[in-house]
PDB file of all heavy atoms in Angstrom:
ATOM      1  N   TRP A   1      88.157 107.247  79.791  1.00  0.00           N
ATOM      2  CA  TRP A   1      89.309 106.383  79.580  1.00  0.00           C
ATOM      3  C   TRP A   1      89.895 105.889  80.914  1.00  0.00           C
ATOM      4  O   TRP A   1      90.379 104.750  81.011  1.00  0.00           O
ATOM      5  CB  TRP A   1      90.374 107.100  78.782  1.00  0.00           C
ATOM      6  CG  TRP A   1      89.898 107.431  77.393  1.00  0.00           C
ATOM      7  CD1 TRP A   1      89.593 108.641  76.889  1.00  0.00           C
ATOM      8  CD2 TRP A   1      89.631 106.480  76.334  1.00  0.00           C
ATOM      9  NE1 TRP A   1      89.158 108.558  75.588  1.00  0.00           N
ATOM     10  CE2 TRP A   1      89.170 107.215  75.210  1.00  0.00           C
ATOM     11  CE3 TRP A   1      89.746 105.096  76.210  1.00  0.00           C
ATOM     12  CZ2 TRP A   1      88.844 106.621  74.011  1.00  0.00           C
ATOM     13  CZ3 TRP A   1      89.421 104.484  75.021  1.00  0.00           C
ATOM     14  CH2 TRP A   1      88.963 105.245  73.942  1.00  0.00           C
ATOM     15  N   THR A   2      89.789 106.717  81.927  1.00  0.00           N
ATOM     16  CA  THR A   2      90.237 106.285  83.261  1.00  0.00           C
ATOM     17  C   THR A   2      89.330 105.168  83.781  1.00  0.00           C
ATOM     18  O   THR A   2      89.796 104.173  84.325  1.00  0.00           O
ATOM     19  CB  THR A   2      90.216 107.468  84.239  1.00  0.00           C
ATOM     20  OG1 THR A   2      91.069 108.514  83.756  1.00  0.00           O
ATOM     21  CG2 THR A   2      90.700 107.030  85.628  1.00  0.00           C
ATOM     22  N   MET A   3      88.017 105.346  83.583  1.00  0.00           N
ATOM     23  CA  MET A   3      87.064 104.301  83.994  1.00  0.00           C
ATOM     24  C   MET A   3      87.356 103.027  83.224  1.00  0.00           C
ATOM     25  O   MET A   3      87.323 101.919  83.798  1.00  0.00           O
ATOM     26  CB  MET A   3      85.649 104.768  83.759  1.00  0.00           C
ATOM     27  CG  MET A   3      84.587 103.754  84.224  1.00  0.00           C
ATOM     28  SD  MET A   3      82.910 104.251  83.797  1.00  0.00           S
ATOM     29  CE  MET A   3      82.951 104.008  81.988  1.00  0.00           C
ATOM     30  N   LEU A   4      87.624 103.114  81.920  1.00  0.00           N
ATOM     31  CA  LEU A   4      87.896 101.934  81.123  1.00  0.00           C
ATOM     32  C   LEU A   4      89.175 101.245  81.607  1.00  0.00           C
ATOM     33  O   LEU A   4      89.247 100.014  81.650  1.00  0.00           O
ATOM     34  CB  LEU A   4      88.042 102.340  79.658  1.00  0.00           C
ATOM     35  CG  LEU A   4      87.891 101.247  78.621  1.00  0.00           C
ATOM     36  CD1 LEU A   4      86.502 100.631  78.692  1.00  0.00           C
ATOM     37  CD2 LEU A   4      88.149 101.782  77.224  1.00  0.00           C
ATOM     38  N   GLY A   5      90.172 102.055  82.017  1.00  0.00           N
ATOM     39  CA  GLY A   5      91.385 101.473  82.566  1.00  0.00           C
ATOM     40  C   GLY A   5      91.129 100.696  83.855  1.00  0.00           C
ATOM     41  O   GLY A   5      91.691  99.611  84.059  1.00  0.00           O
ATOM     42  N   PHE A   6      90.276 101.268  84.704  1.00  0.00           N
ATOM     43  CA  PHE A   6      89.893 100.543  85.950  1.00  0.00           C
ATOM     44  C   PHE A   6      89.263  99.211  85.583  1.00  0.00           C
ATOM     45  O   PHE A   6      89.519  98.186  86.227  1.00  0.00           O
ATOM     46  CB  PHE A   6      88.919 101.389  86.766  1.00  0.00           C
ATOM     47  CG  PHE A   6      89.582 102.297  87.772  1.00  0.00           C
ATOM     48  CD1 PHE A   6      89.717 103.650  87.512  1.00  0.00           C
ATOM     49  CD2 PHE A   6      90.059 101.785  88.945  1.00  0.00           C
ATOM     50  CE1 PHE A   6      90.325 104.487  88.429  1.00  0.00           C
ATOM     51  CE2 PHE A   6      90.653 102.601  89.911  1.00  0.00           C
ATOM     52  CZ  PHE A   6      90.796 103.982  89.627  1.00  0.00           C
ATOM     53  N   LEU A   7      88.384  99.194  84.590  1.00  0.00           N
ATOM     54  CA  LEU A   7      87.679  97.963  84.210  1.00  0.00           C
ATOM     55  C   LEU A   7      88.669  96.906  83.748  1.00  0.00           C
ATOM     56  O   LEU A   7      88.588  95.748  84.162  1.00  0.00           O
ATOM     57  CB  LEU A   7      86.667  98.254  83.072  1.00  0.00           C
ATOM     58  CG  LEU A   7      85.484  99.137  83.421  1.00  0.00           C
ATOM     59  CD1 LEU A   7      84.602  99.378  82.207  1.00  0.00           C
ATOM     60  CD2 LEU A   7      84.647  98.538  84.553  1.00  0.00           C
ATOM     61  N   PHE A   8      89.620  97.287  82.914  1.00  0.00           N
ATOM     62  CA  PHE A   8      90.561  96.329  82.361  1.00  0.00           C
ATOM     63  C   PHE A   8      91.579  95.841  83.393  1.00  0.00           C
ATOM     64  O   PHE A   8      92.196  94.783  83.192  1.00  0.00           O
ATOM     65  CB  PHE A   8      91.296  96.940  81.163  1.00  0.00           C
ATOM     66  CG  PHE A   8      90.530  96.865  79.891  1.00  0.00           C
ATOM     67  CD1 PHE A   8      89.855  97.966  79.402  1.00  0.00           C
ATOM     68  CD2 PHE A   8      90.473  95.670  79.156  1.00  0.00           C
ATOM     69  CE1 PHE A   8      89.131  97.895  78.211  1.00  0.00           C
ATOM     70  CE2 PHE A   8      89.744  95.574  77.981  1.00  0.00           C
ATOM     71  CZ  PHE A   8      89.086  96.688  77.484  1.00  0.00           C
ATOM     72  N   ILE A   9      91.736  96.565  84.480  1.00  0.00           N
ATOM     73  CA  ILE A   9      92.669  96.132  85.521  1.00  0.00           C
ATOM     74  C   ILE A   9      91.960  95.373  86.630  1.00  0.00           C
ATOM     75  O   ILE A   9      92.359  94.285  87.048  1.00  0.00           O
ATOM     76  CB  ILE A   9      93.419  97.356  86.110  1.00  0.00           C
ATOM     77  CG1 ILE A   9      94.331  97.982  85.070  1.00  0.00           C
ATOM     78  CG2 ILE A   9      94.224  96.952  87.345  1.00  0.00           C
ATOM     79  CD1 ILE A   9      94.967  99.258  85.526  1.00  0.00           C
ATOM     80  N   LEU A  10      90.845  95.933  87.136  1.00  0.00           N
ATOM     81  CA  LEU A  10      90.186  95.373  88.325  1.00  0.00           C
ATOM     82  C   LEU A  10      89.460  94.068  88.019  1.00  0.00           C
ATOM     83  O   LEU A  10      89.490  93.140  88.846  1.00  0.00           O
ATOM     84  CB  LEU A  10      89.206  96.405  88.891  1.00  0.00           C
ATOM     85  CG  LEU A  10      89.824  97.663  89.470  1.00  0.00           C
ATOM     86  CD1 LEU A  10      88.747  98.622  89.950  1.00  0.00           C
ATOM     87  CD2 LEU A  10      90.797  97.331  90.606  1.00  0.00           C
ATOM     88  N   ILE A  11      88.783  93.967  86.859  1.00  0.00           N
ATOM     89  CA  ILE A  11      88.052  92.750  86.565  1.00  0.00           C
ATOM     90  C   ILE A  11      88.985  91.530  86.443  1.00  0.00           C
ATOM     91  O   ILE A  11      88.752  90.495  87.099  1.00  0.00           O
ATOM     92  CB  ILE A  11      87.191  92.915  85.308  1.00  0.00           C
ATOM     93  CG1 ILE A  11      86.069  93.900  85.599  1.00  0.00           C
ATOM     94  CG2 ILE A  11      86.594  91.570  84.858  1.00  0.00           C
ATOM     95  CD1 ILE A  11      85.186  94.218  84.408  1.00  0.00           C
ATOM     96  N   PRO A  12      90.072  91.596  85.665  1.00  0.00           N
ATOM     97  CA  PRO A  12      91.016  90.445  85.673  1.00  0.00           C
ATOM     98  C   PRO A  12      91.623  90.164  87.031  1.00  0.00           C
ATOM     99  O   PRO A  12      91.833  89.000  87.391  1.00  0.00           O
ATOM    100  CB  PRO A  12      92.090  90.859  84.671  1.00  0.00           C
ATOM    101  CG  PRO A  12      91.406  91.823  83.743  1.00  0.00           C
ATOM    102  CD  PRO A  12      90.456  92.597  84.642  1.00  0.00           C
ATOM    103  N   LEU A  13      91.922  91.215  87.811  1.00  0.00           N
ATOM    104  CA  LEU A  13      92.435  90.988  89.173  1.00  0.00           C
ATOM    105  C   LEU A  13      91.408  90.246  90.031  1.00  0.00           C
ATOM    106  O   LEU A  13      91.762  89.394  90.841  1.00  0.00           O
ATOM    107  CB  LEU A  13      92.819  92.317  89.826  1.00  0.00           C
ATOM    108  CG  LEU A  13      94.134  92.941  89.412  1.00  0.00           C
ATOM    109  CD1 LEU A  13      94.333  94.295  90.109  1.00  0.00           C
ATOM    110  CD2 LEU A  13      95.318  92.007  89.696  1.00  0.00           C
ATOM    111  N   GLY A  14      90.134  90.587  89.848  1.00  0.00           N
ATOM    112  CA  GLY A  14      89.079  89.873  90.568  1.00  0.00           C
ATOM    113  C   GLY A  14      89.001  88.416  90.172  1.00  0.00           C
ATOM    114  O   GLY A  14      88.793  87.556  91.002  1.00  0.00           O
ATOM    115  N   TRP A  15      89.187  88.134  88.878  1.00  0.00           N
ATOM    116  CA  TRP A  15      89.186  86.757  88.407  1.00  0.00           C
ATOM    117  C   TRP A  15      90.382  85.991  89.026  1.00  0.00           C
ATOM    118  O   TRP A  15      90.219  84.844  89.463  1.00  0.00           O
ATOM    119  CB  TRP A  15      89.305  86.693  86.889  1.00  0.00           C
ATOM    120  CG  TRP A  15      88.063  87.181  86.180  1.00  0.00           C
ATOM    121  CD1 TRP A  15      86.833  87.361  86.717  1.00  0.00           C
ATOM    122  CD2 TRP A  15      87.961  87.554  84.792  1.00  0.00           C
ATOM    123  NE1 TRP A  15      85.949  87.837  85.762  1.00  0.00           N
ATOM    124  CE2 TRP A  15      86.614  87.956  84.568  1.00  0.00           C
ATOM    125  CE3 TRP A  15      88.874  87.620  83.734  1.00  0.00           C
ATOM    126  CZ2 TRP A  15      86.174  88.391  83.338  1.00  0.00           C
ATOM    127  CZ3 TRP A  15      88.400  88.036  82.503  1.00  0.00           C
ATOM    128  CH2 TRP A  15      87.077  88.424  82.306  1.00  0.00           C
ATOM    129  N   ILE A  16      91.537  86.615  89.027  1.00  0.00           N
ATOM    130  CA  ILE A  16      92.733  85.973  89.594  1.00  0.00           C
ATOM    131  C   ILE A  16      92.524  85.697  91.086  1.00  0.00           C
ATOM    132  O   ILE A  16      92.821  84.602  91.569  1.00  0.00           O
ATOM    133  CB  ILE A  16      93.982  86.853  89.363  1.00  0.00           C
ATOM    134  CG1 ILE A  16      94.308  86.920  87.871  1.00  0.00           C
ATOM    135  CG2 ILE A  16      95.184  86.299  90.146  1.00  0.00           C
ATOM    136  CD1 ILE A  16      95.408  87.903  87.520  1.00  0.00           C
ATOM    137  N   GLY A  17      92.028  86.688  91.802  1.00  0.00           N
ATOM    138  CA  GLY A  17      91.750  86.473  93.238  1.00  0.00           C
ATOM    139  C   GLY A  17      90.731  85.382  93.443  1.00  0.00           C
ATOM    140  O   GLY A  17      90.850  84.570  94.373  1.00  0.00           O
ATOM    141  N   GLY A  18      89.717  85.324  92.587  1.00  0.00           N
ATOM    142  CA  GLY A  18      88.724  84.253  92.680  1.00  0.00           C
ATOM    143  C   GLY A  18      89.335  82.879  92.448  1.00  0.00           C
ATOM    144  O   GLY A  18      88.981  81.924  93.117  1.00  0.00           O
ATOM    145  N   GLY A  19      90.253  82.797  91.455  1.00  0.00           N
ATOM    146  CA  GLY A  19      90.904  81.527  91.214  1.00  0.00           C
ATOM    147  C   GLY A  19      91.732  81.058  92.374  1.00  0.00           C
ATOM    148  O   GLY A  19      91.725  79.882  92.750  1.00  0.00           O
ATOM    149  N   VAL A  20      92.436  81.988  93.030  1.00  0.00           N
ATOM    150  CA  VAL A  20      93.229  81.654  94.216  1.00  0.00           C
ATOM    151  C   VAL A  20      92.305  81.206  95.367  1.00  0.00           C
ATOM    152  O   VAL A  20      92.582  80.194  96.045  1.00  0.00           O
ATOM    153  CB  VAL A  20      94.087  82.855  94.667  1.00  0.00           C
ATOM    154  CG1 VAL A  20      94.793  82.576  95.981  1.00  0.00           C
ATOM    155  CG2 VAL A  20      95.108  83.218  93.567  1.00  0.00           C
ATOM    156  N   TYR A  21      91.237  81.938  95.536  1.00  0.00           N
ATOM    157  CA  TYR A  21      90.271  81.628  96.620  1.00  0.00           C
ATOM    158  C   TYR A  21      89.633  80.262  96.402  1.00  0.00           C
ATOM    159  O   TYR A  21      89.584  79.431  97.318  1.00  0.00           O
ATOM    160  CB  TYR A  21      89.225  82.728  96.651  1.00  0.00           C
ATOM    161  CG  TYR A  21      88.078  82.521  97.596  1.00  0.00           C
ATOM    162  CD1 TYR A  21      88.274  82.279  98.947  1.00  0.00           C
ATOM    163  CD2 TYR A  21      86.756  82.615  97.129  1.00  0.00           C
ATOM    164  CE1 TYR A  21      87.205  82.097  99.815  1.00  0.00           C
ATOM    165  CE2 TYR A  21      85.685  82.458  97.988  1.00  0.00           C
ATOM    166  CZ  TYR A  21      85.908  82.198  99.315  1.00  0.00           C
ATOM    167  OH  TYR A  21      84.843  82.027 100.165  1.00  0.00           O
ATOM    168  N   PHE A  22      89.134  79.985  95.202  1.00  0.00           N
ATOM    169  CA  PHE A  22      88.500  78.709  94.901  1.00  0.00           C
ATOM    170  C   PHE A  22      89.495  77.559  95.066  1.00  0.00           C
ATOM    171  O   PHE A  22      89.142  76.487  95.568  1.00  0.00           O
ATOM    172  CB  PHE A  22      87.932  78.720  93.491  1.00  0.00           C
ATOM    173  CG  PHE A  22      86.516  79.196  93.384  1.00  0.00           C
ATOM    174  CD1 PHE A  22      86.143  80.400  93.967  1.00  0.00           C
ATOM    175  CD2 PHE A  22      85.578  78.474  92.706  1.00  0.00           C
ATOM    176  CE1 PHE A  22      84.835  80.873  93.901  1.00  0.00           C
ATOM    177  CE2 PHE A  22      84.272  78.947  92.612  1.00  0.00           C
ATOM    178  CZ  PHE A  22      83.889  80.137  93.203  1.00  0.00           C
ATOM    179  N   ARG A  23      90.753  77.810  94.642  1.00  0.00           N
ATOM    180  CA  ARG A  23      91.763  76.747  94.762  1.00  0.00           C
ATOM    181  C   ARG A  23      92.017  76.399  96.214  1.00  0.00           C
ATOM    182  O   ARG A  23      92.127  75.215  96.569  1.00  0.00           O
ATOM    183  CB  ARG A  23      93.054  77.193  94.076  1.00  0.00           C
ATOM    184  CG  ARG A  23      94.201  76.186  94.211  1.00  0.00           C
ATOM    185  CD  ARG A  23      95.453  76.690  93.518  1.00  0.00           C
ATOM    186  NE  ARG A  23      96.564  75.766  93.667  1.00  0.00           N
ATOM    187  CZ  ARG A  23      97.445  75.801  94.647  1.00  0.00           C
ATOM    188  NH1 ARG A  23      97.354  76.771  95.572  1.00  0.00           N
ATOM    189  NH2 ARG A  23      98.428  74.930  94.725  1.00  0.00           N
ATOM    190  N   GLN A  24      92.123  77.404  97.062  1.00  0.00           N
ATOM    191  CA  GLN A  24      92.396  77.147  98.467  1.00  0.00           C
ATOM    192  C   GLN A  24      91.236  76.401  99.142  1.00  0.00           C
ATOM    193  O   GLN A  24      91.460  75.487  99.928  1.00  0.00           O
ATOM    194  CB  GLN A  24      92.658  78.481  99.211  1.00  0.00           C
ATOM    195  CG  GLN A  24      93.970  79.133  98.825  1.00  0.00           C
ATOM    196  CD  GLN A  24      95.154  78.242  99.081  1.00  0.00           C
ATOM    197  OE1 GLN A  24      95.792  77.755  98.150  1.00  0.00           O
ATOM    198  NE2 GLN A  24      95.471  77.997 100.352  1.00  0.00           N
ATOM    199  N   VAL A  25      90.018  76.788  98.818  1.00  0.00           N
ATOM    200  CA  VAL A  25      88.862  76.110  99.415  1.00  0.00           C
ATOM    201  C   VAL A  25      88.739  74.698  98.895  1.00  0.00           C
ATOM    202  O   VAL A  25      88.494  73.749  99.665  1.00  0.00           O
ATOM    203  CB  VAL A  25      87.577  76.916  99.135  1.00  0.00           C
ATOM    204  CG1 VAL A  25      86.345  76.166  99.677  1.00  0.00           C
ATOM    205  CG2 VAL A  25      87.639  78.296  99.765  1.00  0.00           C
ATOM    206  N   ALA A  26      88.940  74.522  97.570  1.00  0.00           N
ATOM    207  CA  ALA A  26      88.851  73.167  96.997  1.00  0.00           C
ATOM    208  C   ALA A  26      89.925  72.259  97.558  1.00  0.00           C
ATOM    209  O   ALA A  26      89.692  71.078  97.794  1.00  0.00           O
ATOM    210  CB  ALA A  26      88.943  73.249  95.487  1.00  0.00           C
ATOM    211  N   LYS A  27      91.115  72.816  97.771  1.00  0.00           N
ATOM    212  CA  LYS A  27      92.213  72.024  98.309  1.00  0.00           C
ATOM    213  C   LYS A  27      91.885  71.474  99.686  1.00  0.00           C
ATOM    214  O   LYS A  27      92.312  70.346 100.024  1.00  0.00           O
ATOM    215  CB  LYS A  27      93.476  72.909  98.398  1.00  0.00           C
ATOM    216  CG  LYS A  27      94.747  72.194  98.821  1.00  0.00           C
ATOM    217  CD  LYS A  27      95.933  73.167  98.803  1.00  0.00           C
ATOM    218  CE  LYS A  27      97.220  72.464  99.220  1.00  0.00           C
ATOM    219  NZ  LYS A  27      98.354  73.413  99.239  1.00  0.00           N
ATOM    220  N   SER A  28      91.112  72.209 100.468  1.00  0.00           N
ATOM    221  CA  SER A  28      90.756  71.749 101.821  1.00  0.00           C
ATOM    222  C   SER A  28      89.771  70.583 101.781  1.00  0.00           C
ATOM    223  O   SER A  28      89.606  69.902 102.787  1.00  0.00           O
ATOM    224  CB  SER A  28      90.140  72.898 102.622  1.00  0.00           C
ATOM    225  OG  SER A  28      88.853  73.257 102.129  1.00  0.00           O
ATOM    226  N   THR A  29      89.122  70.356 100.633  1.00  0.00           N
ATOM    227  CA  THR A  29      88.125  69.278 100.543  1.00  0.00           C
ATOM    228  C   THR A  29      88.688  68.017  99.898  1.00  0.00           C
ATOM    229  O   THR A  29      88.001  67.002  99.837  1.00  0.00           O
ATOM    230  CB  THR A  29      86.916  69.739  99.688  1.00  0.00           C
ATOM    231  OG1 THR A  29      87.329  69.942  98.314  1.00  0.00           O
ATOM    232  CG2 THR A  29      86.330  71.028 100.229  1.00  0.00           C
ATOM    233  N   LEU A  30      89.926  68.060  99.413  1.00  0.00           N
ATOM    234  CA  LEU A  30      90.513  66.891  98.766  1.00  0.00           C
ATOM    235  C   LEU A  30      90.851  65.804  99.769  1.00  0.00           C
ATOM    236  O   LEU A  30      91.170  66.090 100.931  1.00  0.00           O
ATOM    237  CB  LEU A  30      91.778  67.303  97.984  1.00  0.00           C
ATOM    238  CG  LEU A  30      91.559  68.288  96.818  1.00  0.00           C
ATOM    239  CD1 LEU A  30      92.905  68.606  96.182  1.00  0.00           C
ATOM    240  CD2 LEU A  30      90.605  67.705  95.793  1.00  0.00           C
ATOM    241  N   ASP A  31      90.782  64.573  99.309  1.00  0.00           N
ATOM    242  CA  ASP A  31      91.159  63.462 100.157  1.00  0.00           C
ATOM    243  C   ASP A  31      92.677  63.459 100.384  1.00  0.00           C
ATOM    244  O   ASP A  31      93.440  64.042  99.604  1.00  0.00           O
ATOM    245  CB  ASP A  31      90.732  62.130  99.500  1.00  0.00           C
ATOM    246  CG  ASP A  31      89.221  62.016  99.392  1.00  0.00           C
ATOM    247  OD1 ASP A  31      88.528  62.548 100.283  1.00  0.00           O
ATOM    248  OD2 ASP A  31      88.751  61.415  98.408  1.00  0.00           O
TER     249      ASP A  31
END
């Protein structure tokens, strides 16, 4: 259950961090 808790917390946090990262990189390419 501890491992399952890690999965439900870390994976969404990774998605959120990825969204922030992609947004910052994409923003640098906009006209």
